[in-house]
Amino acid sequence: MSKTLIAYGTRFGATAKSSEVIAKVLKEKFNHEVDVINLSEHEENLNLSIYNNIIVGSSIAKFSWTKQAKEFLKNDFTSKKLFVFISSAGITYPALEKGNMKKYEKWKRRFLDRVVKKNANVKTSSTAVFGGWIERNGQMKLDN
């Protein structure tokens, strides 16, 4: 059985929701054992040696990653499969949703690819962009 860690940083909860959905799919469809960790609530060092796969997620707000997720990305992931995703309601995802691939690729490079290249010590197996929270009529709603 493959063991997977999902470690994320979130501001409004969308990245947490994405992490839970990913965990559910990995458990139910692929029989993975999955641990999900909110990095802002977890202060102790994690034993990464017990995981085959590491998934790191961060929300994007004010044009930046969460501090905890960006720092976690600097761990040694040698011999691990590394997957990275961001939740972006206001920038990257809306461009994709509207079919503006040029703008989507620009923002994806800036907020996902460059951060991963600068901070991760291994090449990722995959990256992804998901929606986030958008305020509409004074209420926060998940944008997926």
N, C-alpha and C. Protein backbone atom coordinates (compact mmCIF):
# COMPACT_ATOMS: atom_id res chain seq x y z
N MET A 1 0.85 -1.18 0.00
CA MET A 1 0.00 0.00 0.00
C MET A 1 0.89 1.24 0.00
N SER A 2 0.51 2.20 -0.81
CA SER A 2 1.26 3.44 -0.90
C SER A 2 0.81 4.40 0.20
N LYS A 3 1.76 5.08 0.82
CA LYS A 3 1.46 6.03 1.88
C LYS A 3 1.73 7.45 1.36
N THR A 4 0.75 8.32 1.54
CA THR A 4 0.80 9.68 1.00
C THR A 4 0.57 10.71 2.09
N LEU A 5 1.36 11.77 2.03
CA LEU A 5 1.16 12.92 2.91
C LEU A 5 0.68 14.10 2.08
N ILE A 6 -0.40 14.71 2.54
CA ILE A 6 -0.86 15.96 1.95
C ILE A 6 -0.63 17.04 3.01
N ALA A 7 0.27 17.96 2.71
CA ALA A 7 0.60 19.06 3.63
C ALA A 7 0.23 20.35 2.94
N TYR A 8 -0.57 21.17 3.61
CA TYR A 8 -1.07 22.38 2.93
C TYR A 8 -1.07 23.60 3.85
N GLY A 9 -1.07 24.75 3.20
CA GLY A 9 -1.27 26.02 3.87
C GLY A 9 -2.50 26.66 3.26
N THR A 10 -3.37 27.22 4.10
CA THR A 10 -4.62 27.79 3.61
C THR A 10 -4.92 29.10 4.31
N ARG A 11 -5.67 29.95 3.68
CA ARG A 11 -6.07 31.21 4.30
C ARG A 11 -7.57 31.25 4.56
N PHE A 12 -8.36 30.82 3.59
CA PHE A 12 -9.82 30.88 3.71
C PHE A 12 -10.48 29.52 3.70
N GLY A 13 -9.70 28.45 3.57
CA GLY A 13 -10.25 27.10 3.65
C GLY A 13 -10.37 26.33 2.34
N ALA A 14 -10.19 26.99 1.21
CA ALA A 14 -10.32 26.28 -0.07
C ALA A 14 -9.23 25.23 -0.25
N THR A 15 -8.01 25.54 0.16
CA THR A 15 -6.91 24.58 0.02
C THR A 15 -7.14 23.37 0.95
N ALA A 16 -7.72 23.62 2.10
CA ALA A 16 -8.07 22.52 3.01
C ALA A 16 -9.12 21.62 2.35
N LYS A 17 -10.14 22.23 1.75
CA LYS A 17 -11.18 21.44 1.08
C LYS A 17 -10.59 20.64 -0.09
N SER A 18 -9.73 21.27 -0.87
CA SER A 18 -9.08 20.56 -1.99
C SER A 18 -8.26 19.38 -1.46
N SER A 19 -7.55 19.60 -0.37
CA SER A 19 -6.74 18.53 0.23
C SER A 19 -7.59 17.35 0.67
N GLU A 20 -8.73 17.63 1.25
CA GLU A 20 -9.63 16.56 1.69
C GLU A 20 -10.21 15.78 0.51
N VAL A 21 -10.53 16.48 -0.57
CA VAL A 21 -11.05 15.81 -1.77
C VAL A 21 -9.96 14.92 -2.38
N ILE A 22 -8.74 15.42 -2.47
CA ILE A 22 -7.63 14.63 -2.99
C ILE A 22 -7.43 13.39 -2.13
N ALA A 23 -7.44 13.57 -0.81
CA ALA A 23 -7.27 12.44 0.11
C ALA A 23 -8.36 11.39 -0.10
N LYS A 24 -9.59 11.83 -0.23
CA LYS A 24 -10.71 10.90 -0.42
C LYS A 24 -10.53 10.08 -1.70
N VAL A 25 -10.15 10.74 -2.78
CA VAL A 25 -9.95 10.04 -4.06
C VAL A 25 -8.80 9.04 -3.94
N LEU A 26 -7.70 9.46 -3.33
CA LEU A 26 -6.56 8.54 -3.19
C LEU A 26 -6.91 7.32 -2.35
N LYS A 27 -7.70 7.52 -1.31
CA LYS A 27 -8.10 6.41 -0.44
C LYS A 27 -9.07 5.48 -1.15
N GLU A 28 -10.13 6.05 -1.73
CA GLU A 28 -11.21 5.24 -2.29
C GLU A 28 -10.87 4.62 -3.64
N LYS A 29 -10.21 5.36 -4.49
CA LYS A 29 -9.95 4.87 -5.86
C LYS A 29 -8.61 4.17 -6.01
N PHE A 30 -7.63 4.55 -5.17
CA PHE A 30 -6.27 4.02 -5.35
C PHE A 30 -5.73 3.29 -4.13
N ASN A 31 -6.56 3.14 -3.10
CA ASN A 31 -6.20 2.40 -1.91
C ASN A 31 -4.93 2.93 -1.22
N HIS A 32 -4.74 4.24 -1.24
CA HIS A 32 -3.60 4.86 -0.56
C HIS A 32 -3.95 5.07 0.92
N GLU A 33 -2.95 4.98 1.75
CA GLU A 33 -3.07 5.44 3.13
C GLU A 33 -2.65 6.90 3.10
N VAL A 34 -3.50 7.80 3.60
CA VAL A 34 -3.26 9.24 3.44
C VAL A 34 -3.34 9.96 4.78
N ASP A 35 -2.34 10.80 5.04
CA ASP A 35 -2.36 11.72 6.16
C ASP A 35 -2.49 13.13 5.60
N VAL A 36 -3.37 13.94 6.19
CA VAL A 36 -3.58 15.32 5.76
C VAL A 36 -3.19 16.24 6.92
N ILE A 37 -2.29 17.18 6.64
CA ILE A 37 -1.76 18.07 7.66
C ILE A 37 -1.93 19.53 7.25
N ASN A 38 -2.57 20.32 8.11
CA ASN A 38 -2.62 21.77 7.93
C ASN A 38 -1.33 22.31 8.54
N LEU A 39 -0.45 22.83 7.73
CA LEU A 39 0.87 23.24 8.19
C LEU A 39 0.84 24.38 9.21
N SER A 40 -0.20 25.19 9.19
CA SER A 40 -0.27 26.28 10.17
C SER A 40 -0.65 25.76 11.56
N GLU A 41 -1.16 24.53 11.63
CA GLU A 41 -1.53 23.94 12.92
C GLU A 41 -0.56 22.86 13.37
N HIS A 42 0.48 22.64 12.59
CA HIS A 42 1.41 21.54 12.87
C HIS A 42 2.81 22.11 13.06
N GLU A 43 3.34 22.02 14.27
CA GLU A 43 4.63 22.63 14.56
C GLU A 43 5.78 21.64 14.64
N GLU A 44 5.50 20.40 14.90
CA GLU A 44 6.59 19.43 15.05
C GLU A 44 7.10 18.98 13.68
N ASN A 45 8.34 18.47 13.67
CA ASN A 45 8.92 17.96 12.43
C ASN A 45 8.20 16.68 12.02
N LEU A 46 7.93 16.57 10.76
CA LEU A 46 7.25 15.38 10.24
C LEU A 46 8.28 14.35 9.81
N ASN A 47 7.99 13.09 10.05
CA ASN A 47 8.85 12.01 9.59
C ASN A 47 8.47 11.69 8.15
N LEU A 48 9.15 12.31 7.21
CA LEU A 48 8.82 12.14 5.79
C LEU A 48 9.25 10.78 5.25
N SER A 49 10.12 10.08 5.97
CA SER A 49 10.64 8.81 5.47
C SER A 49 9.55 7.75 5.33
N ILE A 50 8.43 7.91 6.01
CA ILE A 50 7.37 6.90 5.96
C ILE A 50 6.43 7.08 4.76
N TYR A 51 6.64 8.14 3.99
CA TYR A 51 5.74 8.43 2.86
C TYR A 51 6.41 8.15 1.52
N ASN A 52 5.63 7.58 0.60
CA ASN A 52 6.07 7.39 -0.78
C ASN A 52 5.80 8.64 -1.61
N ASN A 53 4.69 9.29 -1.29
CA ASN A 53 4.22 10.45 -2.06
C ASN A 53 4.00 11.63 -1.13
N ILE A 54 4.39 12.81 -1.61
CA ILE A 54 4.17 14.04 -0.86
C ILE A 54 3.40 14.99 -1.76
N ILE A 55 2.31 15.51 -1.24
CA ILE A 55 1.52 16.52 -1.96
C ILE A 55 1.56 17.80 -1.12
N VAL A 56 1.99 18.89 -1.74
CA VAL A 56 2.08 20.17 -1.06
C VAL A 56 1.10 21.12 -1.73
N GLY A 57 0.26 21.76 -0.93
CA GLY A 57 -0.71 22.71 -1.47
C GLY A 57 -0.64 24.04 -0.74
N SER A 58 -0.93 25.10 -1.47
CA SER A 58 -0.96 26.44 -0.88
C SER A 58 -2.02 27.29 -1.54
N SER A 59 -2.62 28.13 -0.73
CA SER A 59 -3.49 29.15 -1.32
C SER A 59 -2.60 30.26 -1.86
N ILE A 60 -3.15 31.03 -2.78
CA ILE A 60 -2.47 32.22 -3.29
C ILE A 60 -3.34 33.41 -2.90
N ALA A 61 -2.77 34.27 -2.09
CA ALA A 61 -3.46 35.50 -1.69
C ALA A 61 -2.43 36.60 -1.61
N LYS A 62 -2.81 37.79 -2.02
CA LYS A 62 -1.87 38.91 -2.05
C LYS A 62 -0.62 38.53 -2.83
N PHE A 63 -0.81 37.78 -3.91
CA PHE A 63 0.25 37.38 -4.83
C PHE A 63 1.33 36.51 -4.18
N SER A 64 0.98 35.73 -3.15
CA SER A 64 2.00 34.89 -2.54
C SER A 64 1.42 33.60 -1.96
N TRP A 65 2.31 32.65 -1.78
CA TRP A 65 2.01 31.39 -1.11
C TRP A 65 1.87 31.64 0.39
N THR A 66 1.30 30.68 1.09
CA THR A 66 1.35 30.75 2.54
C THR A 66 2.79 30.47 2.97
N LYS A 67 3.21 31.10 4.02
CA LYS A 67 4.59 30.96 4.50
C LYS A 67 4.90 29.51 4.83
N GLN A 68 3.98 28.83 5.51
CA GLN A 68 4.21 27.45 5.94
C GLN A 68 4.40 26.50 4.77
N ALA A 69 3.58 26.64 3.74
CA ALA A 69 3.68 25.74 2.58
C ALA A 69 4.98 25.99 1.81
N LYS A 70 5.33 27.25 1.65
CA LYS A 70 6.57 27.58 0.95
C LYS A 70 7.78 27.02 1.69
N GLU A 71 7.80 27.14 3.01
CA GLU A 71 8.89 26.59 3.81
C GLU A 71 8.91 25.06 3.74
N PHE A 72 7.74 24.45 3.80
CA PHE A 72 7.67 22.99 3.75
C PHE A 72 8.21 22.45 2.43
N LEU A 73 8.02 23.19 1.37
CA LEU A 73 8.48 22.78 0.04
C LEU A 73 10.01 22.64 -0.01
N LYS A 74 10.71 23.24 0.93
CA LYS A 74 12.17 23.19 0.97
C LYS A 74 12.71 21.90 1.59
N ASN A 75 11.85 21.03 2.10
CA ASN A 75 12.29 19.76 2.67
C ASN A 75 12.97 18.90 1.62
N ASP A 76 13.69 17.89 2.09
CA ASP A 76 14.36 16.96 1.19
C ASP A 76 13.36 15.89 0.75
N PHE A 77 12.95 15.95 -0.51
CA PHE A 77 11.99 15.00 -1.05
C PHE A 77 12.66 13.98 -1.99
N THR A 78 13.96 13.81 -1.84
CA THR A 78 14.68 12.82 -2.63
C THR A 78 14.04 11.46 -2.41
N SER A 79 13.85 10.73 -3.44
CA SER A 79 13.23 9.39 -3.46
C SER A 79 11.72 9.41 -3.21
N LYS A 80 11.11 10.59 -3.24
CA LYS A 80 9.65 10.72 -3.09
C LYS A 80 9.06 11.19 -4.41
N LYS A 81 7.80 10.88 -4.60
CA LYS A 81 7.06 11.50 -5.69
C LYS A 81 6.44 12.76 -5.12
N LEU A 82 6.74 13.91 -5.71
CA LEU A 82 6.26 15.19 -5.22
C LEU A 82 5.21 15.75 -6.17
N PHE A 83 4.08 16.11 -5.61
CA PHE A 83 2.98 16.74 -6.34
C PHE A 83 2.71 18.08 -5.65
N VAL A 84 2.45 19.13 -6.42
CA VAL A 84 2.22 20.44 -5.83
C VAL A 84 1.00 21.08 -6.49
N PHE A 85 0.16 21.71 -5.65
CA PHE A 85 -0.99 22.44 -6.20
C PHE A 85 -1.17 23.76 -5.48
N ILE A 86 -1.85 24.67 -6.17
CA ILE A 86 -2.23 25.94 -5.57
C ILE A 86 -3.73 26.13 -5.73
N SER A 87 -4.30 26.89 -4.79
CA SER A 87 -5.70 27.30 -4.88
C SER A 87 -5.69 28.80 -5.16
N SER A 88 -6.31 29.18 -6.26
CA SER A 88 -6.26 30.58 -6.67
C SER A 88 -7.60 31.02 -7.22
N ALA A 89 -8.34 31.75 -6.41
CA ALA A 89 -9.66 32.21 -6.85
C ALA A 89 -9.57 33.44 -7.73
N GLY A 90 -8.64 34.32 -7.43
CA GLY A 90 -8.64 35.62 -8.08
C GLY A 90 -7.74 35.77 -9.28
N ILE A 91 -6.82 34.84 -9.51
CA ILE A 91 -5.84 35.07 -10.57
C ILE A 91 -5.81 33.92 -11.58
N THR A 92 -5.18 32.83 -11.19
CA THR A 92 -4.89 31.76 -12.14
C THR A 92 -6.13 31.02 -12.62
N TYR A 93 -6.94 30.55 -11.70
CA TYR A 93 -8.08 29.73 -12.07
C TYR A 93 -9.11 30.47 -12.93
N PRO A 94 -9.45 31.73 -12.63
CA PRO A 94 -10.42 32.42 -13.49
C PRO A 94 -9.95 32.55 -14.94
N ALA A 95 -8.64 32.73 -15.14
CA ALA A 95 -8.12 32.80 -16.51
C ALA A 95 -8.37 31.48 -17.23
N LEU A 96 -8.14 30.38 -16.55
CA LEU A 96 -8.38 29.06 -17.13
C LEU A 96 -9.86 28.87 -17.42
N GLU A 97 -10.70 29.24 -16.46
CA GLU A 97 -12.14 29.08 -16.59
C GLU A 97 -12.68 29.86 -17.80
N LYS A 98 -12.08 31.02 -18.08
CA LYS A 98 -12.52 31.85 -19.21
C LYS A 98 -11.84 31.47 -20.51
N GLY A 99 -10.98 30.46 -20.48
CA GLY A 99 -10.32 30.01 -21.70
C GLY A 99 -9.15 30.88 -22.12
N ASN A 100 -8.69 31.77 -21.26
CA ASN A 100 -7.56 32.63 -21.58
C ASN A 100 -6.27 31.90 -21.20
N MET A 101 -5.84 31.00 -22.08
CA MET A 101 -4.70 30.13 -21.78
C MET A 101 -3.39 30.92 -21.67
N LYS A 102 -3.26 31.98 -22.42
CA LYS A 102 -2.04 32.80 -22.34
C LYS A 102 -1.90 33.39 -20.94
N LYS A 103 -2.97 33.95 -20.41
CA LYS A 103 -2.95 34.54 -19.07
C LYS A 103 -2.80 33.45 -18.01
N TYR A 104 -3.51 32.33 -18.19
CA TYR A 104 -3.40 31.22 -17.26
C TYR A 104 -1.95 30.74 -17.15
N GLU A 105 -1.32 30.50 -18.29
CA GLU A 105 0.07 30.01 -18.30
C GLU A 105 1.01 31.02 -17.65
N LYS A 106 0.78 32.32 -17.88
CA LYS A 106 1.60 33.37 -17.28
C LYS A 106 1.51 33.30 -15.76
N TRP A 107 0.29 33.23 -15.23
CA TRP A 107 0.11 33.20 -13.79
C TRP A 107 0.55 31.86 -13.19
N LYS A 108 0.32 30.77 -13.92
CA LYS A 108 0.77 29.46 -13.44
C LYS A 108 2.29 29.44 -13.32
N ARG A 109 2.99 29.98 -14.31
CA ARG A 109 4.46 30.05 -14.23
C ARG A 109 4.90 30.88 -13.04
N ARG A 110 4.23 32.02 -12.83
CA ARG A 110 4.63 32.92 -11.74
C ARG A 110 4.33 32.35 -10.35
N PHE A 111 3.15 31.82 -10.17
CA PHE A 111 2.71 31.43 -8.83
C PHE A 111 2.89 29.96 -8.50
N LEU A 112 3.14 29.13 -9.49
CA LEU A 112 3.33 27.71 -9.22
C LEU A 112 4.71 27.24 -9.68
N ASP A 113 4.96 27.32 -10.97
CA ASP A 113 6.19 26.76 -11.51
C ASP A 113 7.46 27.41 -10.94
N ARG A 114 7.50 28.72 -10.88
CA ARG A 114 8.70 29.40 -10.36
C ARG A 114 8.93 29.11 -8.88
N VAL A 115 7.88 29.09 -8.11
CA VAL A 115 8.02 28.82 -6.67
C VAL A 115 8.53 27.39 -6.46
N VAL A 116 7.99 26.46 -7.21
CA VAL A 116 8.43 25.07 -7.09
C VAL A 116 9.90 24.95 -7.51
N LYS A 117 10.24 25.54 -8.64
CA LYS A 117 11.62 25.45 -9.13
C LYS A 117 12.61 26.06 -8.15
N LYS A 118 12.24 27.17 -7.54
CA LYS A 118 13.13 27.88 -6.61
C LYS A 118 13.27 27.15 -5.27
N ASN A 119 12.21 26.50 -4.80
CA ASN A 119 12.19 25.96 -3.44
C ASN A 119 12.30 24.45 -3.32
N ALA A 120 11.82 23.71 -4.29
CA ALA A 120 11.83 22.24 -4.18
C ALA A 120 13.17 21.68 -4.64
N ASN A 121 13.64 20.64 -3.97
CA ASN A 121 14.94 20.06 -4.33
C ASN A 121 14.82 18.90 -5.31
N VAL A 122 13.61 18.56 -5.71
CA VAL A 122 13.40 17.51 -6.71
C VAL A 122 12.37 17.98 -7.73
N LYS A 123 12.39 17.33 -8.86
CA LYS A 123 11.40 17.64 -9.89
C LYS A 123 10.05 17.07 -9.47
N THR A 124 8.99 17.84 -9.71
CA THR A 124 7.66 17.36 -9.35
C THR A 124 7.17 16.31 -10.33
N SER A 125 6.33 15.42 -9.85
CA SER A 125 5.65 14.47 -10.72
C SER A 125 4.49 15.13 -11.42
N SER A 126 3.89 16.12 -10.74
CA SER A 126 2.73 16.81 -11.31
C SER A 126 2.46 18.09 -10.53
N THR A 127 1.83 19.06 -11.22
CA THR A 127 1.37 20.28 -10.56
C THR A 127 -0.06 20.54 -11.02
N ALA A 128 -0.80 21.32 -10.21
CA ALA A 128 -2.19 21.62 -10.57
C ALA A 128 -2.61 22.95 -9.97
N VAL A 129 -3.61 23.55 -10.61
CA VAL A 129 -4.22 24.79 -10.12
C VAL A 129 -5.70 24.52 -9.89
N PHE A 130 -6.17 24.85 -8.68
CA PHE A 130 -7.58 24.70 -8.34
C PHE A 130 -8.17 26.06 -8.00
N GLY A 131 -9.49 26.13 -7.95
CA GLY A 131 -10.16 27.36 -7.57
C GLY A 131 -10.00 27.65 -6.09
N GLY A 132 -10.53 28.78 -5.67
CA GLY A 132 -10.41 29.18 -4.27
C GLY A 132 -11.70 29.84 -3.82
N TRP A 133 -11.59 30.75 -2.89
CA TRP A 133 -12.74 31.46 -2.34
C TRP A 133 -12.92 32.80 -3.04
N ILE A 134 -14.16 33.13 -3.33
CA ILE A 134 -14.49 34.43 -3.91
C ILE A 134 -15.62 35.03 -3.10
N GLU A 135 -15.48 36.31 -2.77
CA GLU A 135 -16.54 36.98 -2.02
C GLU A 135 -17.58 37.49 -3.00
N ARG A 136 -18.81 37.05 -2.78
CA ARG A 136 -19.93 37.48 -3.62
C ARG A 136 -21.07 37.90 -2.71
N ASN A 137 -21.52 39.13 -2.88
CA ASN A 137 -22.62 39.65 -2.05
C ASN A 137 -22.36 39.52 -0.56
N GLY A 138 -21.12 39.79 -0.16
CA GLY A 138 -20.77 39.74 1.25
C GLY A 138 -20.57 38.36 1.81
N GLN A 139 -20.68 37.32 0.98
CA GLN A 139 -20.49 35.95 1.46
C GLN A 139 -19.33 35.30 0.72
N MET A 140 -18.57 34.47 1.45
CA MET A 140 -17.47 33.75 0.83
C MET A 140 -18.01 32.45 0.24
N LYS A 141 -17.72 32.21 -1.02
CA LYS A 141 -18.19 31.00 -1.69
C LYS A 141 -17.01 30.30 -2.35
N LEU A 142 -17.07 29.00 -2.37
CA LEU A 142 -16.02 28.21 -3.01
C LEU A 142 -16.18 28.31 -4.51
N ASP A 143 -15.09 28.62 -5.18
CA ASP A 143 -15.06 28.71 -6.63
C ASP A 143 -14.33 27.49 -7.15
N ASN A 144 -15.06 26.55 -7.76
CA ASN A 144 -14.39 25.36 -8.26
C ASN A 144 -14.53 25.20 -9.71
